[in-house]
N, C-alpha and C. Protein backbone atom coordinates (compact mmCIF):
# COMPACT_ATOMS: atom_id res chain seq x y z
N MET A 1 26.32 71.40 63.20
CA MET A 1 27.11 71.52 64.12
C MET A 1 28.38 71.25 63.82
N PRO A 2 29.17 72.02 63.76
CA PRO A 2 30.52 71.86 62.76
C PRO A 2 31.48 71.40 63.64
N ILE A 3 32.39 70.05 63.09
CA ILE A 3 33.77 69.82 63.27
C ILE A 3 34.93 70.08 62.85
N TYR A 4 35.51 70.60 63.96
CA TYR A 4 36.63 71.51 63.29
C TYR A 4 38.25 70.84 63.80
N GLU A 5 38.84 70.85 62.99
CA GLU A 5 40.27 70.07 63.02
C GLU A 5 41.51 71.04 63.68
N PHE A 6 42.18 70.39 64.95
CA PHE A 6 42.94 71.05 65.21
C PHE A 6 44.70 71.03 65.79
N ARG A 7 45.22 71.55 65.84
CA ARG A 7 46.35 71.17 66.10
C ARG A 7 47.08 71.68 67.22
N CYS A 8 47.63 70.55 67.82
CA CYS A 8 48.46 70.87 69.47
C CYS A 8 49.41 71.85 69.06
N GLN A 9 49.81 73.08 69.50
CA GLN A 9 51.13 73.80 69.47
C GLN A 9 52.12 73.39 70.37
N ASP A 10 51.90 72.40 71.28
CA ASP A 10 53.16 72.07 72.20
C ASP A 10 53.53 70.89 71.48
N CYS A 11 52.43 69.51 71.36
CA CYS A 11 53.27 68.56 70.82
C CYS A 11 52.56 67.89 69.27
N GLY A 12 52.01 68.83 68.78
CA GLY A 12 51.78 68.61 67.35
C GLY A 12 50.76 67.93 67.11
N GLU A 13 50.58 67.14 68.07
CA GLU A 13 48.89 66.51 67.90
C GLU A 13 47.68 67.52 66.84
N ARG A 14 46.92 66.50 65.85
CA ARG A 14 46.08 67.04 65.10
C ARG A 14 45.25 66.02 65.69
N PHE A 15 43.68 66.73 66.03
CA PHE A 15 42.52 65.86 66.34
C PHE A 15 41.51 66.77 65.91
N GLU A 16 40.17 65.95 65.81
CA GLU A 16 38.76 67.06 65.44
C GLU A 16 38.15 66.90 66.82
N LYS A 17 37.20 68.24 66.88
CA LYS A 17 36.53 68.42 68.01
C LYS A 17 35.10 68.87 67.36
N LEU A 18 33.93 68.85 67.89
CA LEU A 18 32.39 69.07 67.83
C LEU A 18 32.25 69.96 68.52
N CYS A 19 31.75 71.34 67.66
CA CYS A 19 31.93 72.66 68.10
C CYS A 19 30.70 73.05 68.58
N PHE A 20 29.93 73.33 69.51
CA PHE A 20 28.46 73.95 69.94
C PHE A 20 28.51 75.62 69.37
N SER A 21 29.98 76.00 69.98
CA SER A 21 29.48 77.70 70.34
C SER A 21 31.10 77.88 70.23
N ALA A 22 31.31 79.37 69.74
CA ALA A 22 32.62 79.90 70.08
C ALA A 22 33.55 79.64 70.85
N ARG A 23 32.91 79.29 72.43
CA ARG A 23 33.81 79.13 73.35
C ARG A 23 34.32 77.65 73.45
N ASP A 24 33.72 76.55 72.75
CA ASP A 24 33.98 75.42 72.39
C ASP A 24 35.39 75.65 71.73
N GLU A 25 35.39 76.24 70.95
CA GLU A 25 36.68 76.36 69.94
C GLU A 25 37.90 77.07 70.98
N LYS A 26 37.43 77.72 71.45
CA LYS A 26 38.86 78.42 72.28
C LYS A 26 39.04 77.50 73.32
N ASP A 27 38.10 76.62 73.64
CA ASP A 27 38.42 75.86 75.16
C ASP A 27 38.72 74.56 74.36
N ALA A 28 39.44 74.12 73.07
CA ALA A 28 39.60 72.95 72.59
C ALA A 28 41.41 72.53 73.32
N ARG A 29 41.32 71.31 73.80
CA ARG A 29 42.04 70.61 74.26
C ARG A 29 43.03 69.55 73.83
N CYS A 30 44.06 69.82 73.64
CA CYS A 30 44.79 68.28 73.01
C CYS A 30 44.62 66.70 73.67
N PRO A 31 43.97 65.96 73.02
CA PRO A 31 43.67 64.81 73.63
C PRO A 31 44.91 63.69 74.22
N ARG A 32 46.11 64.54 73.30
CA ARG A 32 47.39 63.82 73.68
C ARG A 32 47.99 63.94 75.02
N CYS A 33 48.42 65.53 75.07
CA CYS A 33 49.22 65.77 76.44
C CYS A 33 48.25 67.03 76.94
N GLY A 34 46.81 67.02 76.66
CA GLY A 34 45.79 68.31 77.58
C GLY A 34 46.21 69.58 77.41
N SER A 35 47.07 70.19 76.24
CA SER A 35 47.61 71.48 76.23
C SER A 35 46.06 71.93 75.88
N THR A 36 46.03 73.45 76.19
CA THR A 36 45.24 74.32 75.51
C THR A 36 45.83 75.49 74.47
N ARG A 37 46.86 74.95 74.05
CA ARG A 37 47.97 76.25 73.08
C ARG A 37 47.36 75.26 71.83
N THR A 38 46.12 75.79 71.18
CA THR A 38 45.75 75.16 69.96
C THR A 38 45.14 75.69 69.04
N SER A 39 45.44 75.16 67.87
CA SER A 39 45.18 76.30 66.72
C SER A 39 44.35 75.87 65.66
N LYS A 40 43.58 76.35 65.04
CA LYS A 40 41.93 75.46 64.47
C LYS A 40 42.78 75.57 62.93
N GLU A 41 42.94 74.49 62.09
CA GLU A 41 43.34 74.35 61.09
C GLU A 41 42.45 74.06 59.98
N PHE A 42 43.09 74.44 58.58
CA PHE A 42 41.92 74.34 57.27
C PHE A 42 42.17 72.81 57.20
N SER A 43 40.49 72.41 56.50
CA SER A 43 40.62 71.46 56.25
C SER A 43 39.41 71.06 55.14
N SER A 44 39.24 69.66 54.69
CA SER A 44 38.88 69.48 53.28
C SER A 44 37.86 69.06 54.44
N PHE A 45 36.45 68.78 53.39
CA PHE A 45 35.15 68.36 53.54
C PHE A 45 34.45 67.13 52.37
N ALA A 46 33.81 66.51 53.09
CA ALA A 46 33.06 65.17 51.89
C ALA A 46 31.50 65.37 52.40
N CYS A 47 30.83 65.47 51.09
CA CYS A 47 29.32 65.46 51.20
C CYS A 47 28.65 64.64 50.52
N GLY A 48 27.94 63.56 50.60
CA GLY A 48 26.94 62.87 49.93
C GLY A 48 25.53 63.03 50.03
N LEU A 49 25.24 63.10 48.44
CA LEU A 49 23.60 63.52 48.28
C LEU A 49 22.17 62.39 48.00
N GLY A 50 23.11 61.19 48.32
CA GLY A 50 21.97 59.67 48.41
C GLY A 50 22.59 59.26 47.05
N GLY A 51 21.97 58.14 46.25
CA GLY A 51 21.96 57.37 45.13
C GLY A 51 23.48 56.79 45.37
N GLY A 52 23.94 56.43 43.98
CA GLY A 52 25.31 55.27 44.28
C GLY A 52 26.39 55.89 44.64
N GLY A 53 27.08 55.30 44.94
CA GLY A 53 28.62 55.63 45.15
C GLY A 53 29.12 55.96 46.44
N LEU A 54 30.14 56.38 47.35
CA LEU A 54 30.25 56.47 48.35
C LEU A 54 29.98 57.70 48.76
N GLY A 55 30.15 58.97 48.03
CA GLY A 55 29.66 60.28 47.98
C GLY A 55 30.95 61.47 48.42
N PHE A 56 32.28 60.81 48.78
CA PHE A 56 33.69 61.41 49.07
C PHE A 56 33.99 62.10 47.76
N GLY A 57 34.34 63.70 48.03
CA GLY A 57 34.63 63.89 47.32
C GLY A 57 33.99 64.84 46.32
N SER A 58 32.70 64.63 46.70
CA SER A 58 31.71 65.55 45.35
C SER A 58 30.20 65.41 45.96
N CYS A 59 30.11 66.45 45.42
CA CYS A 59 28.86 66.88 46.37
C CYS A 59 27.30 66.66 45.13
N GLY A 60 27.17 65.51 44.58
CA GLY A 60 25.95 64.93 44.04
C GLY A 60 25.85 65.55 42.42
N SER A 61 26.84 66.31 41.73
CA SER A 61 26.50 66.11 40.39
C SER A 61 26.08 64.98 39.58
N GLY A 62 26.62 63.83 40.13
CA GLY A 62 26.63 62.48 38.92
C GLY A 62 27.56 62.67 37.85
N ARG A 63 28.16 63.38 37.86
CA ARG A 63 29.21 63.29 36.52
C ARG A 63 30.46 63.84 37.05
N PRO A 64 31.42 62.91 36.63
CA PRO A 64 32.60 62.93 37.05
C PRO A 64 33.75 63.74 37.00
N GLY A 65 33.99 64.09 38.09
CA GLY A 65 35.25 65.36 38.72
C GLY A 65 33.81 66.82 38.61
N GLY A 66 32.65 66.44 38.96
CA GLY A 66 30.95 67.29 38.95
C GLY A 66 31.46 67.37 40.28
N PHE A 67 30.75 68.86 40.37
CA PHE A 67 30.55 69.29 41.69
C PHE A 67 29.16 69.93 42.50
N GLY A 68 28.34 69.57 41.37
CA GLY A 68 26.97 69.92 41.94
C GLY A 68 26.66 70.95 41.58
N PHE A 69 26.86 72.16 40.91
CA PHE A 69 26.86 73.62 40.91
C PHE A 69 26.38 73.53 39.67
N GLY A 70 25.50 72.83 39.15
CA GLY A 70 25.52 73.53 37.90
C GLY A 70 24.87 72.13 36.95
């Protein structure tokens, strides 16, 4: 289940929401002001595939700056 980032169009608050369906995305409510006037934001992601290190910003290639695609 994806976690999306939203921004409130009324107060500017940025927040995350776990969305199980498209309806959850439509019903995103700002935790600061309660507004439903929100928009989905582009966001980055992190993944880790085990091994050493934190796994943030790479997807397991084991090479500096690698992304695990080859």
